[in-house]
C-alpha cells in the first residue's frame, strides 16, 4: 500500500506520508490481471484549520485503519489542502463498506462523498 499526504509542512513524525503528484498520475487503475480497482473519497471537514497535532493524529488513525487491510488497500492519498482522503482497493464484496465503517469509527469527522460503484458491476 502506498500512502501519501499532499501537504509537506505542518505534519511531522509520519514518514510514510509524503508530498505527491496529481492523482491522475498516481492512482493505480487495474491489478495485475486487469481487474479494475474500486475507489472512494472521504472528506474531513475543517481538518486543515485544526492544530498540527490534531491533523497528525487524524493521519495516524487513518493510516492505522488502512494498514489493517494489508494488500487489499492498494493506494491512499490524503490531500490536506482540501481535506480529502482518496482510497483505492481491490474489488471484493463488502470490502469498501468495512473500510469506510472502520474509518468512520476511528475518525468520526470523515464523510463518504464519492466512490465508483460501476467497478462492482
N, C-alpha and C. Protein backbone atom coordinates (compact mmCIF):
# COMPACT_ATOMS: atom_id res chain seq x y z
N UNK A 1 0.85 -1.18 0.00
CA UNK A 1 0.00 0.00 0.00
C UNK A 1 0.88 1.23 0.00
N UNK A 2 0.53 2.19 -0.82
CA UNK A 2 1.26 3.44 -0.89
C UNK A 2 0.40 4.52 -0.23
N UNK A 3 0.92 5.17 0.80
CA UNK A 3 0.21 6.24 1.49
C UNK A 3 0.93 7.55 1.21
N UNK A 4 0.17 8.58 0.88
CA UNK A 4 0.77 9.89 0.69
C UNK A 4 -0.08 10.93 1.38
N UNK A 5 0.53 12.04 1.71
CA UNK A 5 -0.20 13.22 2.16
C UNK A 5 0.28 14.36 1.29
N UNK A 6 -0.59 15.28 0.97
CA UNK A 6 -0.29 16.29 -0.03
C UNK A 6 0.32 17.56 0.50
N UNK A 7 0.39 17.74 1.80
CA UNK A 7 0.92 18.99 2.34
C UNK A 7 2.13 18.63 3.18
N UNK A 8 3.30 19.07 2.79
CA UNK A 8 4.52 18.68 3.48
C UNK A 8 4.65 19.39 4.81
N UNK A 9 4.42 20.69 4.87
CA UNK A 9 4.60 21.41 6.12
C UNK A 9 3.41 21.16 7.06
N UNK A 10 3.68 21.20 8.35
CA UNK A 10 2.63 21.04 9.34
C UNK A 10 2.42 19.61 9.80
N UNK A 11 3.03 18.64 9.15
CA UNK A 11 2.87 17.25 9.55
C UNK A 11 4.25 16.72 9.87
N UNK A 12 4.42 16.27 11.09
CA UNK A 12 5.73 15.77 11.49
C UNK A 12 5.58 14.36 12.03
N UNK A 13 6.66 13.61 11.99
CA UNK A 13 6.68 12.29 12.59
C UNK A 13 5.89 11.23 11.86
N UNK A 14 5.47 11.47 10.62
CA UNK A 14 4.74 10.46 9.86
C UNK A 14 5.45 10.22 8.53
N UNK A 15 6.57 9.51 8.56
CA UNK A 15 7.38 9.38 7.36
C UNK A 15 6.71 8.64 6.21
N UNK A 16 5.69 7.82 6.44
CA UNK A 16 5.05 7.10 5.35
C UNK A 16 4.15 8.02 4.53
N UNK A 17 3.82 9.19 5.04
CA UNK A 17 3.03 10.16 4.31
C UNK A 17 3.99 11.17 3.69
N UNK A 18 3.81 11.47 2.41
CA UNK A 18 4.71 12.39 1.76
C UNK A 18 3.98 13.17 0.69
N UNK A 19 4.61 14.21 0.19
CA UNK A 19 4.00 15.02 -0.86
C UNK A 19 3.85 14.16 -2.12
N UNK A 20 2.78 14.37 -2.86
CA UNK A 20 2.51 13.54 -4.02
C UNK A 20 2.25 14.33 -5.28
N UNK A 21 2.17 13.59 -6.37
CA UNK A 21 1.86 14.15 -7.68
C UNK A 21 0.33 14.23 -7.82
N UNK A 22 -0.14 14.77 -8.94
CA UNK A 22 -1.60 14.78 -9.17
C UNK A 22 -2.14 13.35 -9.16
N UNK A 23 -3.35 13.18 -8.64
CA UNK A 23 -3.93 11.85 -8.51
C UNK A 23 -4.01 11.09 -9.83
N UNK A 24 -4.33 11.77 -10.92
CA UNK A 24 -4.47 11.06 -12.18
C UNK A 24 -3.17 10.40 -12.61
N UNK A 25 -2.04 10.88 -12.09
CA UNK A 25 -0.75 10.25 -12.40
C UNK A 25 -0.44 9.11 -11.44
N UNK A 26 -0.96 9.17 -10.22
CA UNK A 26 -0.55 8.24 -9.17
C UNK A 26 -1.49 7.06 -8.96
N UNK A 27 -2.78 7.27 -9.12
CA UNK A 27 -3.75 6.26 -8.74
C UNK A 27 -3.68 5.06 -9.68
N UNK A 28 -3.45 3.87 -9.13
CA UNK A 28 -3.47 2.67 -9.96
C UNK A 28 -4.89 2.38 -10.43
N UNK A 29 -5.04 1.91 -11.63
CA UNK A 29 -6.37 1.68 -12.20
C UNK A 29 -6.79 0.21 -12.17
N UNK A 30 -5.81 -0.70 -12.39
CA UNK A 30 -6.13 -2.12 -12.50
C UNK A 30 -5.06 -2.97 -11.83
N UNK A 31 -5.45 -4.17 -11.42
CA UNK A 31 -4.48 -5.08 -10.82
C UNK A 31 -3.70 -5.83 -11.91
N UNK A 32 -2.87 -6.77 -11.49
CA UNK A 32 -2.00 -7.49 -12.41
C UNK A 32 -2.78 -8.24 -13.49
N UNK A 33 -3.99 -8.69 -13.16
CA UNK A 33 -4.79 -9.46 -14.12
C UNK A 33 -5.73 -8.58 -14.93
N UNK A 34 -5.68 -7.26 -14.74
CA UNK A 34 -6.52 -6.33 -15.49
C UNK A 34 -7.84 -5.99 -14.84
N UNK A 35 -8.10 -6.55 -13.66
CA UNK A 35 -9.34 -6.26 -12.95
C UNK A 35 -9.27 -4.85 -12.35
N UNK A 36 -10.31 -4.03 -12.57
CA UNK A 36 -10.25 -2.65 -12.06
C UNK A 36 -10.32 -2.59 -10.54
N UNK A 37 -9.63 -1.61 -9.99
CA UNK A 37 -9.72 -1.32 -8.56
C UNK A 37 -10.98 -0.51 -8.29
N UNK A 38 -11.41 -0.51 -7.05
CA UNK A 38 -12.55 0.29 -6.60
C UNK A 38 -11.99 1.48 -5.82
N UNK A 39 -12.56 2.65 -6.02
CA UNK A 39 -12.10 3.87 -5.36
C UNK A 39 -13.22 4.49 -4.54
N UNK A 40 -12.84 5.17 -3.48
CA UNK A 40 -13.79 6.03 -2.79
C UNK A 40 -13.05 7.24 -2.24
N UNK A 41 -13.84 8.27 -1.94
CA UNK A 41 -13.29 9.53 -1.45
C UNK A 41 -14.05 9.91 -0.19
N UNK A 42 -13.30 10.42 0.80
CA UNK A 42 -13.91 10.90 2.04
C UNK A 42 -13.44 12.32 2.31
N UNK A 43 -14.30 13.10 2.90
CA UNK A 43 -14.00 14.49 3.26
C UNK A 43 -13.82 14.58 4.77
N UNK A 44 -12.83 15.35 5.18
CA UNK A 44 -12.59 15.64 6.60
C UNK A 44 -12.81 17.13 6.81
N UNK A 45 -14.06 17.56 6.99
CA UNK A 45 -14.36 18.99 7.05
C UNK A 45 -13.54 19.73 8.11
N UNK A 46 -12.88 20.80 7.68
CA UNK A 46 -12.14 21.67 8.59
C UNK A 46 -10.82 21.13 9.13
N UNK A 47 -10.40 19.96 8.68
CA UNK A 47 -9.16 19.39 9.22
C UNK A 47 -7.97 20.31 9.00
N UNK A 48 -7.89 20.95 7.85
CA UNK A 48 -6.72 21.80 7.57
C UNK A 48 -6.67 23.07 8.42
N UNK A 49 -7.74 23.38 9.14
CA UNK A 49 -7.75 24.54 10.04
C UNK A 49 -7.45 24.16 11.48
N UNK A 50 -7.30 22.87 11.74
CA UNK A 50 -7.04 22.41 13.11
C UNK A 50 -5.54 22.46 13.39
N UNK A 51 -5.16 22.44 14.66
CA UNK A 51 -3.74 22.46 15.01
C UNK A 51 -2.99 21.26 14.41
N UNK A 52 -1.70 21.45 14.20
CA UNK A 52 -0.86 20.42 13.57
C UNK A 52 -0.95 19.09 14.32
N UNK A 53 -1.00 19.13 15.62
CA UNK A 53 -1.08 17.88 16.39
C UNK A 53 -2.38 17.14 16.11
N UNK A 54 -3.48 17.86 15.94
CA UNK A 54 -4.76 17.23 15.60
C UNK A 54 -4.70 16.61 14.21
N UNK A 55 -4.13 17.33 13.25
CA UNK A 55 -4.01 16.80 11.89
C UNK A 55 -3.16 15.53 11.89
N UNK A 56 -2.05 15.59 12.61
CA UNK A 56 -1.17 14.44 12.68
C UNK A 56 -1.88 13.24 13.31
N UNK A 57 -2.66 13.49 14.34
CA UNK A 57 -3.41 12.42 14.98
C UNK A 57 -4.39 11.76 14.04
N UNK A 58 -5.09 12.57 13.26
CA UNK A 58 -6.04 12.03 12.28
C UNK A 58 -5.30 11.20 11.24
N UNK A 59 -4.19 11.71 10.74
CA UNK A 59 -3.43 10.95 9.74
C UNK A 59 -2.95 9.62 10.29
N UNK A 60 -2.50 9.61 11.54
CA UNK A 60 -2.05 8.36 12.14
C UNK A 60 -3.21 7.37 12.31
N UNK A 61 -4.38 7.85 12.70
CA UNK A 61 -5.54 6.98 12.82
C UNK A 61 -5.94 6.40 11.46
N UNK A 62 -5.97 7.24 10.45
CA UNK A 62 -6.33 6.78 9.10
C UNK A 62 -5.31 5.74 8.62
N UNK A 63 -4.06 6.05 8.79
CA UNK A 63 -3.00 5.12 8.38
C UNK A 63 -3.15 3.78 9.10
N UNK A 64 -3.43 3.81 10.41
CA UNK A 64 -3.61 2.59 11.17
C UNK A 64 -4.75 1.74 10.66
N UNK A 65 -5.86 2.38 10.32
CA UNK A 65 -7.01 1.65 9.77
C UNK A 65 -6.65 1.02 8.44
N UNK A 66 -6.07 1.80 7.54
CA UNK A 66 -5.77 1.29 6.21
C UNK A 66 -4.75 0.16 6.24
N UNK A 67 -3.79 0.25 7.14
CA UNK A 67 -2.78 -0.80 7.23
C UNK A 67 -3.37 -2.12 7.70
N UNK A 68 -4.48 -2.08 8.40
CA UNK A 68 -5.14 -3.32 8.86
C UNK A 68 -5.64 -4.17 7.70
N UNK A 69 -5.85 -3.54 6.56
CA UNK A 69 -6.38 -4.26 5.40
C UNK A 69 -5.29 -4.77 4.46
N UNK A 70 -4.05 -4.53 4.83
CA UNK A 70 -2.91 -5.08 4.09
C UNK A 70 -2.93 -4.76 2.61
N UNK A 71 -2.71 -5.78 1.80
CA UNK A 71 -2.60 -5.61 0.35
C UNK A 71 -3.94 -5.32 -0.34
N UNK A 72 -5.05 -5.42 0.40
CA UNK A 72 -6.35 -5.10 -0.20
C UNK A 72 -6.47 -3.61 -0.47
N UNK A 73 -5.77 -2.78 0.30
CA UNK A 73 -5.70 -1.34 0.04
C UNK A 73 -4.46 -1.13 -0.83
N UNK A 74 -4.66 -0.65 -2.05
CA UNK A 74 -3.52 -0.53 -2.96
C UNK A 74 -2.99 0.90 -3.05
N UNK A 75 -3.78 1.88 -2.60
CA UNK A 75 -3.36 3.27 -2.71
C UNK A 75 -4.20 4.12 -1.76
N UNK A 76 -3.57 5.11 -1.13
CA UNK A 76 -4.29 6.08 -0.31
C UNK A 76 -3.58 7.42 -0.40
N UNK A 77 -4.36 8.48 -0.50
CA UNK A 77 -3.81 9.84 -0.58
C UNK A 77 -4.70 10.74 0.25
N UNK A 78 -4.09 11.53 1.14
CA UNK A 78 -4.85 12.49 1.94
C UNK A 78 -4.38 13.88 1.53
N UNK A 79 -5.22 14.60 0.81
CA UNK A 79 -4.90 15.96 0.38
C UNK A 79 -5.32 16.91 1.50
N UNK A 80 -4.35 17.38 2.26
CA UNK A 80 -4.63 18.22 3.41
C UNK A 80 -5.04 19.64 3.03
N UNK A 81 -4.74 20.06 1.82
CA UNK A 81 -5.17 21.39 1.39
C UNK A 81 -6.68 21.46 1.22
N UNK A 82 -7.27 20.35 0.75
CA UNK A 82 -8.72 20.34 0.53
C UNK A 82 -9.44 19.32 1.41
N UNK A 83 -8.73 18.72 2.37
CA UNK A 83 -9.31 17.81 3.35
C UNK A 83 -9.95 16.57 2.73
N UNK A 84 -9.32 16.00 1.71
CA UNK A 84 -9.90 14.86 1.01
C UNK A 84 -8.99 13.63 1.10
N UNK A 85 -9.59 12.52 1.50
CA UNK A 85 -8.92 11.23 1.53
C UNK A 85 -9.41 10.41 0.34
N UNK A 86 -8.49 9.92 -0.48
CA UNK A 86 -8.81 9.06 -1.62
C UNK A 86 -8.22 7.69 -1.34
N UNK A 87 -9.01 6.64 -1.52
CA UNK A 87 -8.55 5.28 -1.27
C UNK A 87 -8.91 4.40 -2.46
N UNK A 88 -7.95 3.62 -2.94
CA UNK A 88 -8.18 2.62 -3.98
C UNK A 88 -7.94 1.25 -3.37
N UNK A 89 -8.85 0.32 -3.66
CA UNK A 89 -8.74 -1.01 -3.07
C UNK A 89 -9.16 -2.09 -4.06
N UNK A 90 -8.80 -3.31 -3.72
CA UNK A 90 -9.19 -4.44 -4.56
C UNK A 90 -10.70 -4.61 -4.52
N UNK A 91 -11.25 -5.05 -5.62
CA UNK A 91 -12.70 -5.24 -5.73
C UNK A 91 -13.08 -6.57 -5.08
N UNK A 92 -13.64 -6.48 -3.88
CA UNK A 92 -14.12 -7.65 -3.13
C UNK A 92 -15.44 -7.27 -2.48
N UNK A 93 -16.42 -8.17 -2.52
CA UNK A 93 -17.72 -7.85 -1.92
C UNK A 93 -17.57 -7.45 -0.45
N UNK A 94 -18.12 -6.29 -0.12
CA UNK A 94 -18.14 -5.81 1.26
C UNK A 94 -16.89 -5.13 1.76
N UNK A 95 -15.81 -5.19 1.00
CA UNK A 95 -14.55 -4.61 1.47
C UNK A 95 -14.65 -3.10 1.65
N UNK A 96 -15.21 -2.40 0.67
CA UNK A 96 -15.31 -0.95 0.78
C UNK A 96 -16.14 -0.57 2.00
N UNK A 97 -17.24 -1.25 2.22
CA UNK A 97 -18.09 -0.94 3.38
C UNK A 97 -17.33 -1.15 4.68
N UNK A 98 -16.55 -2.23 4.78
CA UNK A 98 -15.78 -2.48 6.00
C UNK A 98 -14.74 -1.39 6.23
N UNK A 99 -14.05 -0.98 5.16
CA UNK A 99 -13.02 0.06 5.30
C UNK A 99 -13.66 1.38 5.72
N UNK A 100 -14.73 1.76 5.03
CA UNK A 100 -15.40 3.03 5.35
C UNK A 100 -15.94 3.03 6.77
N UNK A 101 -16.56 1.93 7.19
CA UNK A 101 -17.12 1.86 8.55
C UNK A 101 -16.02 1.97 9.60
N UNK A 102 -14.91 1.29 9.38
CA UNK A 102 -13.83 1.36 10.36
C UNK A 102 -13.19 2.75 10.38
N UNK A 103 -13.04 3.37 9.21
CA UNK A 103 -12.51 4.74 9.18
C UNK A 103 -13.43 5.68 9.95
N UNK A 104 -14.75 5.55 9.73
CA UNK A 104 -15.70 6.43 10.43
C UNK A 104 -15.71 6.16 11.93
N UNK A 105 -15.50 4.90 12.31
CA UNK A 105 -15.48 4.58 13.74
C UNK A 105 -14.26 5.19 14.42
N UNK A 106 -13.13 5.19 13.75
CA UNK A 106 -11.89 5.73 14.32
C UNK A 106 -11.79 7.24 14.17
N UNK A 107 -12.32 7.78 13.05
CA UNK A 107 -12.25 9.22 12.77
C UNK A 107 -13.66 9.68 12.36
N UNK A 108 -14.53 9.96 13.34
CA UNK A 108 -15.93 10.28 13.04
C UNK A 108 -16.13 11.49 12.13
N UNK A 109 -15.15 12.37 12.03
CA UNK A 109 -15.31 13.55 11.17
C UNK A 109 -15.32 13.19 9.69
N UNK A 110 -14.82 12.01 9.31
CA UNK A 110 -14.75 11.63 7.91
C UNK A 110 -16.15 11.38 7.35
N UNK A 111 -16.39 11.88 6.14
CA UNK A 111 -17.67 11.73 5.44
C UNK A 111 -17.42 11.14 4.06
N UNK A 112 -18.12 10.06 3.74
CA UNK A 112 -18.02 9.46 2.42
C UNK A 112 -18.71 10.38 1.42
N UNK A 113 -17.97 10.79 0.38
CA UNK A 113 -18.56 11.70 -0.59
C UNK A 113 -18.61 11.14 -2.00
N UNK A 114 -17.78 10.14 -2.31
CA UNK A 114 -17.80 9.61 -3.67
C UNK A 114 -17.13 8.25 -3.70
N UNK A 115 -17.61 7.42 -4.58
CA UNK A 115 -16.98 6.14 -4.87
C UNK A 115 -17.36 5.75 -6.29
N UNK A 116 -16.81 4.65 -6.78
CA UNK A 116 -17.10 4.24 -8.16
C UNK A 116 -17.84 2.91 -8.17
N UNK A 117 -19.17 2.94 -8.04
CA UNK A 117 -19.94 1.69 -7.97
C UNK A 117 -19.93 0.91 -9.26
N UNK A 118 -19.67 1.55 -10.40
CA UNK A 118 -19.65 0.83 -11.68
C UNK A 118 -18.55 -0.23 -11.71
N UNK A 119 -17.52 -0.10 -10.91
CA UNK A 119 -16.45 -1.09 -10.88
C UNK A 119 -16.93 -2.40 -10.27
N UNK A 120 -18.04 -2.36 -9.53
CA UNK A 120 -18.56 -3.57 -8.92
C UNK A 120 -19.46 -4.36 -9.86
N UNK A 121 -19.85 -3.75 -10.96
CA UNK A 121 -20.79 -4.41 -11.89
C UNK A 121 -20.10 -5.49 -12.71
